[in-house]
Protein backbone atom coordinates (compact mmCIF):
# COMPACT_ATOMS: atom_id res chain seq x y z
CA MET A 1 13.91 77.55 23.38
CA LEU A 2 11.74 74.52 22.82
CA GLU A 3 9.96 74.45 19.54
CA ASN A 4 7.90 71.84 17.74
CA LYS A 5 5.15 71.70 15.14
CA LEU A 6 2.62 73.06 17.64
CA ILE A 7 4.50 75.81 19.47
CA THR A 8 6.68 78.56 18.06
CA HIS A 9 8.12 81.89 19.04
CA ASP A 10 9.16 84.93 17.03
CA PRO A 11 10.58 88.15 18.47
CA ASP A 12 8.28 90.07 16.11
CA ILE A 13 5.12 88.38 17.41
CA LEU A 14 4.05 89.15 20.99
CA SER A 15 7.67 89.89 21.93
CA GLY A 16 8.71 86.30 21.30
CA ILE A 17 6.58 84.51 23.87
CA PRO A 18 5.63 80.92 22.95
CA ILE A 19 2.43 80.81 20.87
CA PHE A 20 0.36 78.18 19.10
CA VAL A 21 1.68 77.81 15.54
CA GLY A 22 -0.47 79.73 13.06
CA THR A 23 -2.04 81.93 15.73
CA ARG A 24 -1.22 84.81 18.02
CA VAL A 25 -2.50 82.88 21.05
CA PRO A 26 0.06 82.41 23.83
CA VAL A 27 0.46 78.88 25.16
CA GLN A 28 0.47 80.47 28.61
CA THR A 29 -3.17 81.44 28.06
CA LEU A 30 -4.19 77.78 27.79
CA LEU A 31 -2.30 76.97 30.98
CA ASP A 32 -3.87 79.95 32.77
CA TYR A 33 -7.37 78.78 31.76
CA LEU A 34 -6.75 75.26 33.00
CA GLU A 35 -5.09 76.46 36.20
CA GLY A 36 -8.11 78.67 36.83
CA GLY A 37 -10.41 75.64 36.66
CA HIS A 38 -11.84 76.42 33.24
CA PRO A 39 -12.49 73.50 30.90
CA LEU A 40 -10.61 73.11 27.64
CA LYS A 41 -13.87 73.73 25.77
CA GLU A 42 -14.10 77.23 27.24
CA PHE A 43 -10.56 78.05 26.10
CA LEU A 44 -11.35 76.74 22.62
CA ASP A 45 -14.58 78.73 22.47
CA ASP A 46 -12.73 81.90 23.45
CA PHE A 47 -9.82 81.28 21.04
CA PRO A 48 -11.34 79.72 17.89
CA THR A 49 -8.04 79.91 15.98
CA VAL A 50 -6.74 77.08 18.19
CA GLN A 51 -8.03 73.65 17.23
CA ARG A 52 -8.81 71.04 19.90
CA THR A 53 -6.20 68.65 18.50
CA HIS A 54 -3.64 71.45 18.58
CA ALA A 55 -4.32 72.28 22.24
CA GLN A 56 -4.30 68.61 23.20
CA GLY A 57 -1.02 68.15 21.34
CA VAL A 58 0.57 71.02 23.24
CA LEU A 59 -0.57 69.51 26.53
CA ARG A 60 0.91 66.13 25.52
CA PHE A 61 4.16 67.90 24.57
CA LEU A 62 4.35 69.68 27.92
CA LYS A 63 3.51 66.45 29.75
CA GLN A 64 6.32 64.67 27.91
CA ILE A 65 8.75 67.39 28.99
CA LEU A 66 7.65 67.23 32.62
CA LEU A 67 7.43 63.48 33.01
CA LEU A 68 10.10 62.23 30.65
CA GLY A 69 12.44 65.17 30.39
CA THR A 70 12.56 64.90 26.60
CA TYR A 71 11.96 67.53 23.96
CA GLU A 72 11.29 65.39 20.90
CA ASP A 73 8.85 66.60 18.26
CA ILE A 74 5.39 65.17 18.79
CA ALA A 75 2.20 65.98 16.98
């Protein structure tokens, strides 16, 4: 499982699905919001435990995986 300073998973939290570090917010929720045409601001308003820089970092991390095929830690 991929893990960095922004995303983690724990079998005892939400059955181990990837979440934003320090929250109980699934990363999938951010992707669902964006896929549904909702702006990042709306996601952040609805999930105040996720900071803008944190969400943007996760998106950069996922972009790096998709475009470069690498899994290096980025912040």
